Amino acid sequence: MNFELKQIPERSVKPRSSGFTMAMDKGLAPREVEDFLEIANDYIDIVKLGWATSYVTPVLDKKLAIYRAADIPVYLGGTLFEAFIVRGQFEDYLRVIDKYKLQYAEVSDGSITLDHDIKCEYIRKLSQNVTVLSEVGSKDDTKIIPPYQWIELMQKELDAGAWKVIGEAREGGNVGLFRSSGEVRQGLVQEILTKIPSERIIWEAPQKSQQVWFIKLLGTNVNLGNIAPNEVIPLETIRLGLRGDTFSDFLK
């Protein structure tokens, strides 16, 4: 840090086991990635190339090389996985993972209907070669999954080999864990936490109010995802009680 302040909560440092920040790259150019990492490298744990943006991103190799040189893991959005699966191209998806030397992969079913046992089998297969993040929740805001089912799905996916499970919110933060207004489904989150350890979950929380809610509930070192590149530094100040929203939460 640039100067000393007392009564700052203890923040985990990289490589972290908790307190992850997953940033979403929705199409940054290589030079934008360099600028992004220059200012935020210490606060980013993993980067997702949102949904299927990797399919249309020019110089993808070059961009991935920049992240790799900075020791920032990258994975392709779950929607791309689903696009391969719905077309019967799982083996082609594996070749993409291999071609780009990716060490992480996301398994999701937010846009397609996929038998859960089959989803877990994909997790098992992928986890033999890469670290798997699995996403639970639908991108359809009319599909309400009851809490007991969230818990059951998350536990089965962890048992199948997922490293962490992701709570769905989309890049807008208006489905899954959240109502269409962006309000947290508080009862859902509280129920999930009775059975699934917080450190095994990445909560997608792209909106500031959502980030604040999770930090107030679970503390500085909660795992948060779908953070826009220009929101990584602001999020870190919220984690440390250095923004009005959490200013008094960590003062003795």
Protein backbone atom coordinates (compact mmCIF):
# COMPACT_ATOMS: atom_id res chain seq x y z
CA MET A 1 0.00 0.00 0.00
CA ASN A 2 1.10 3.57 -0.57
CA PHE A 3 0.77 4.67 3.06
CA GLU A 4 -0.20 3.34 6.48
CA LEU A 5 -3.68 3.28 7.96
CA LYS A 6 -4.70 1.59 11.18
CA GLN A 7 -7.73 -0.66 11.60
CA ILE A 8 -7.66 -2.05 8.07
CA PRO A 9 -9.10 -5.58 7.87
CA GLU A 10 -6.63 -8.33 7.09
CA ARG A 11 -6.83 -9.02 3.38
CA SER A 12 -5.67 -12.37 2.01
CA VAL A 13 -2.81 -12.18 -0.47
CA LYS A 14 -2.12 -14.09 -3.64
CA PRO A 15 -2.15 -16.98 -4.11
CA ARG A 16 -5.42 -16.83 -2.17
CA SER A 17 -7.59 -19.65 -0.91
CA SER A 18 -10.39 -17.18 -0.21
CA GLY A 19 -11.10 -13.57 -1.03
CA PHE A 20 -11.02 -14.22 -4.76
CA THR A 21 -11.84 -11.51 -7.26
CA MET A 22 -12.88 -12.92 -10.61
CA ALA A 23 -12.77 -10.20 -13.27
CA MET A 24 -14.80 -10.37 -16.45
CA ASP A 25 -13.06 -9.43 -19.68
CA LYS A 26 -15.79 -8.70 -22.23
CA GLY A 27 -13.46 -7.92 -25.12
CA LEU A 28 -10.47 -5.92 -23.92
CA ALA A 29 -7.75 -5.28 -26.51
CA PRO A 30 -4.22 -6.48 -25.67
CA ARG A 31 -3.05 -2.99 -24.78
CA GLU A 32 -6.09 -2.53 -22.56
CA VAL A 33 -5.20 -5.78 -20.80
CA GLU A 34 -1.68 -4.49 -20.20
CA ASP A 35 -3.06 -1.27 -18.71
CA PHE A 36 -5.60 -3.21 -16.64
CA LEU A 37 -2.96 -5.50 -15.19
CA GLU A 38 -0.53 -2.67 -14.48
CA ILE A 39 -2.99 -1.15 -12.03
CA ALA A 40 -4.95 -4.16 -10.76
CA ASN A 41 -2.73 -7.27 -10.96
CA ASP A 42 -2.44 -7.67 -7.18
CA TYR A 43 -6.21 -7.73 -6.79
CA ILE A 44 -7.19 -10.11 -9.60
CA ASP A 45 -7.14 -13.84 -9.01
CA ILE A 46 -8.71 -15.14 -12.19
CA VAL A 47 -10.18 -13.70 -15.39
CA LYS A 48 -13.17 -14.93 -17.35
CA LEU A 49 -13.49 -14.11 -21.03
CA GLY A 50 -17.21 -13.43 -20.87
CA TRP A 51 -19.74 -15.82 -22.42
CA ALA A 52 -18.51 -16.57 -25.99
CA THR A 53 -16.48 -13.43 -26.63
CA SER A 54 -13.39 -15.58 -27.16
CA TYR A 55 -14.96 -16.90 -30.38
CA VAL A 56 -14.92 -13.46 -32.02
CA THR A 57 -11.90 -11.87 -30.30
CA PRO A 58 -9.03 -11.13 -32.72
CA VAL A 59 -5.46 -11.88 -31.57
CA LEU A 60 -6.79 -14.13 -28.82
CA ASP A 61 -3.40 -15.84 -28.51
CA LYS A 62 -1.71 -12.50 -27.91
CA LYS A 63 -4.17 -11.49 -25.22
CA LEU A 64 -3.92 -14.82 -23.41
CA ALA A 65 -0.13 -14.56 -23.49
CA ILE A 66 -0.30 -11.22 -21.64
CA TYR A 67 -2.44 -12.72 -18.88
CA ARG A 68 -0.18 -15.77 -18.73
CA ALA A 69 2.95 -13.63 -18.39
CA ALA A 70 1.29 -11.87 -15.44
CA ASP A 71 0.43 -15.24 -13.86
CA ILE A 72 -3.31 -14.55 -14.11
CA PRO A 73 -5.35 -17.68 -14.92
CA VAL A 74 -7.95 -17.28 -17.66
CA TYR A 75 -10.98 -19.36 -18.54
CA LEU A 76 -13.63 -19.17 -21.22
CA GLY A 77 -17.19 -18.27 -20.28
CA GLY A 78 -19.68 -21.03 -19.58
CA THR A 79 -21.91 -19.98 -22.47
CA LEU A 80 -19.15 -21.03 -24.87
CA PHE A 81 -19.05 -24.46 -23.20
CA GLU A 82 -22.82 -24.69 -23.65
CA ALA A 83 -22.54 -23.64 -27.30
CA PHE A 84 -20.22 -26.59 -27.93
CA ILE A 85 -22.35 -29.03 -25.92
CA VAL A 86 -25.66 -28.17 -27.57
CA ARG A 87 -24.01 -28.81 -30.94
CA GLY A 88 -22.57 -32.15 -29.86
CA GLN A 89 -18.97 -30.84 -29.98
CA PHE A 90 -17.53 -31.69 -26.58
CA GLU A 91 -14.38 -33.17 -28.11
CA ASP A 92 -13.91 -29.97 -30.11
CA TYR A 93 -14.23 -28.00 -26.86
CA LEU A 94 -11.46 -30.11 -25.35
CA ARG A 95 -9.30 -29.29 -28.35
CA VAL A 96 -9.91 -25.57 -27.78
CA ILE A 97 -8.79 -25.93 -24.15
CA ASP A 98 -5.67 -27.73 -25.35
CA LYS A 99 -4.95 -25.35 -28.24
CA TYR A 100 -4.92 -22.29 -25.99
CA LYS A 101 -3.15 -24.08 -23.11
CA LEU A 102 -5.91 -23.19 -20.65
CA GLN A 103 -5.71 -24.61 -17.15
CA TYR A 104 -9.24 -23.70 -16.08
CA ALA A 105 -12.67 -24.38 -17.57
CA GLU A 106 -16.23 -23.47 -16.70
CA VAL A 107 -19.13 -25.91 -16.89
CA SER A 108 -22.57 -24.35 -16.89
CA ASP A 109 -26.11 -24.93 -18.06
CA GLY A 110 -27.62 -21.47 -17.73
CA SER A 111 -28.76 -21.25 -21.35
CA ILE A 112 -29.46 -24.90 -22.18
CA THR A 113 -31.37 -27.75 -20.60
CA LEU A 114 -28.86 -30.35 -19.49
CA ASP A 115 -29.52 -33.40 -17.35
CA HIS A 116 -27.63 -32.80 -14.11
CA ASP A 117 -25.98 -36.21 -14.09
CA ILE A 118 -24.62 -35.46 -17.56
CA LYS A 119 -23.39 -32.05 -16.39
CA CYS A 120 -21.57 -33.73 -13.50
CA GLU A 121 -20.03 -36.20 -15.93
CA TYR A 122 -18.63 -33.29 -17.97
CA ILE A 123 -17.18 -31.90 -14.72
CA ARG A 124 -15.54 -35.26 -13.97
CA LYS A 125 -14.05 -35.55 -17.44
CA LEU A 126 -12.71 -32.00 -17.54
CA SER A 127 -11.36 -32.11 -13.98
CA GLN A 128 -8.97 -34.88 -15.02
CA ASN A 129 -6.99 -32.29 -16.99
CA VAL A 130 -8.00 -28.79 -15.86
CA THR A 131 -9.37 -26.99 -12.82
CA VAL A 132 -13.14 -26.78 -13.17
CA LEU A 133 -15.46 -24.03 -12.03
CA SER A 134 -19.11 -25.01 -12.30
CA GLU A 135 -21.93 -22.52 -12.42
CA VAL A 136 -25.30 -23.05 -10.80
CA GLY A 137 -28.38 -21.02 -11.72
CA SER A 138 -30.32 -20.09 -14.81
CA LYS A 139 -29.98 -17.07 -17.08
CA ASP A 140 -33.77 -17.16 -17.47
CA ASP A 141 -35.17 -14.71 -14.92
CA THR A 142 -38.51 -16.55 -14.92
CA LYS A 143 -36.90 -19.80 -13.78
CA ILE A 144 -36.79 -19.73 -9.98
CA ILE A 145 -34.73 -22.54 -8.44
CA PRO A 146 -35.66 -23.28 -4.80
CA PRO A 147 -32.87 -23.07 -2.20
CA TYR A 148 -32.78 -26.80 -1.46
CA GLN A 149 -32.13 -27.45 -5.15
CA TRP A 150 -29.32 -24.88 -5.30
CA ILE A 151 -27.68 -26.70 -2.41
CA GLU A 152 -28.17 -30.12 -3.97
CA LEU A 153 -26.79 -29.01 -7.35
CA MET A 154 -23.80 -27.24 -5.81
CA GLN A 155 -22.89 -30.19 -3.61
CA LYS A 156 -23.13 -32.70 -6.44
CA GLU A 157 -20.94 -30.54 -8.67
CA LEU A 158 -18.33 -30.15 -5.95
CA ASP A 159 -18.43 -33.91 -5.40
CA ALA A 160 -17.97 -34.42 -9.16
CA GLY A 161 -14.70 -32.49 -9.04
CA ALA A 162 -15.49 -28.80 -9.30
CA TRP A 163 -12.88 -26.64 -7.58
CA LYS A 164 -15.44 -23.94 -6.81
CA VAL A 165 -19.07 -23.39 -7.70
CA ILE A 166 -20.27 -20.09 -9.11
CA GLY A 167 -23.59 -18.51 -8.17
CA GLU A 168 -25.17 -17.25 -11.41
CA ALA A 169 -25.98 -13.57 -11.85
CA ARG A 170 -25.02 -12.78 -15.47
CA GLU A 171 -22.94 -9.70 -16.21
CA GLY A 172 -25.88 -7.48 -15.25
CA GLY A 173 -26.54 -8.99 -11.82
CA ASN A 174 -30.26 -9.44 -12.42
CA VAL A 175 -30.91 -13.20 -12.47
CA GLY A 176 -30.11 -16.24 -10.35
CA LEU A 177 -28.93 -14.96 -6.98
CA PHE A 178 -30.68 -11.67 -7.62
CA ARG A 179 -34.10 -10.36 -8.49
CA SER A 180 -34.57 -8.49 -11.76
CA SER A 181 -34.06 -5.25 -9.80
CA GLY A 182 -30.60 -6.42 -8.70
CA GLU A 183 -31.75 -7.03 -5.12
CA VAL A 184 -30.07 -10.01 -3.45
CA ARG A 185 -32.25 -13.04 -2.77
CA GLN A 186 -31.11 -12.92 0.83
CA GLY A 187 -32.99 -15.99 2.03
CA LEU A 188 -31.52 -18.04 -0.83
CA VAL A 189 -27.95 -17.02 0.02
CA GLN A 190 -28.43 -17.65 3.72
CA GLU A 191 -29.91 -21.08 3.02
CA ILE A 192 -27.03 -22.04 0.71
CA LEU A 193 -24.53 -21.08 3.40
CA THR A 194 -26.06 -23.54 5.87
CA LYS A 195 -24.71 -26.40 3.74
CA ILE A 196 -22.04 -25.14 1.31
CA PRO A 197 -18.82 -23.57 2.71
CA SER A 198 -18.45 -19.96 1.62
CA GLU A 199 -14.86 -20.50 0.47
CA ARG A 200 -16.10 -23.02 -2.12
CA ILE A 201 -18.43 -20.45 -3.73
CA ILE A 202 -17.75 -17.53 -6.05
CA TRP A 203 -20.71 -15.16 -5.88
CA GLU A 204 -21.24 -13.29 -9.14
CA ALA A 205 -21.84 -9.72 -7.98
CA PRO A 206 -21.27 -7.16 -10.74
CA GLN A 207 -23.18 -4.34 -9.03
CA LYS A 208 -21.65 -2.29 -6.23
CA SER A 209 -24.66 -2.77 -3.94
CA GLN A 210 -24.32 -6.54 -4.35
CA GLN A 211 -20.61 -6.47 -3.55
CA VAL A 212 -21.30 -4.41 -0.44
CA TRP A 213 -24.01 -6.83 0.71
CA PHE A 214 -21.75 -9.87 0.45
CA ILE A 215 -18.83 -8.13 2.16
CA LYS A 216 -21.06 -7.04 5.04
CA LEU A 217 -22.37 -10.60 5.34
CA LEU A 218 -19.20 -12.63 4.86
CA GLY A 219 -16.36 -10.19 5.40
CA THR A 220 -13.39 -8.82 3.51
CA ASN A 221 -12.33 -12.15 2.05
CA VAL A 222 -15.51 -13.26 0.33
CA ASN A 223 -15.13 -14.63 -3.21
CA LEU A 224 -16.73 -12.29 -5.76
CA GLY A 225 -17.04 -12.60 -9.52
CA ASN A 226 -18.12 -10.88 -12.73
CA ILE A 227 -16.26 -7.74 -11.67
CA ALA A 228 -15.70 -5.28 -14.49
CA PRO A 229 -12.04 -4.35 -15.04
CA ASN A 230 -12.63 -0.72 -14.05
CA GLU A 231 -14.39 -1.89 -10.86
CA VAL A 232 -11.56 -4.06 -9.46
CA ILE A 233 -9.83 -1.20 -7.61
CA PRO A 234 -13.13 0.24 -6.32
CA LEU A 235 -14.08 -3.25 -5.06
CA GLU A 236 -10.79 -3.49 -3.16
CA THR A 237 -11.58 -0.26 -1.32
CA ILE A 238 -14.98 -1.68 -0.34
CA ARG A 239 -13.25 -4.82 0.96
CA LEU A 240 -10.95 -2.66 3.11
CA GLY A 241 -13.57 -0.29 4.53
CA LEU A 242 -12.23 2.62 2.51
CA ARG A 243 -15.44 3.58 0.75
CA GLY A 244 -18.53 5.03 2.34
CA ASP A 245 -20.53 1.82 1.96
CA THR A 246 -18.32 -0.14 4.40
CA PHE A 247 -16.48 2.74 6.05
CA SER A 248 -17.57 1.90 9.61
CA ASP A 249 -17.76 -1.88 9.30
CA PHE A 250 -14.14 -2.60 10.20
CA LEU A 251 -13.48 0.18 12.71
CA LYS A 252 -13.12 -0.90 16.32
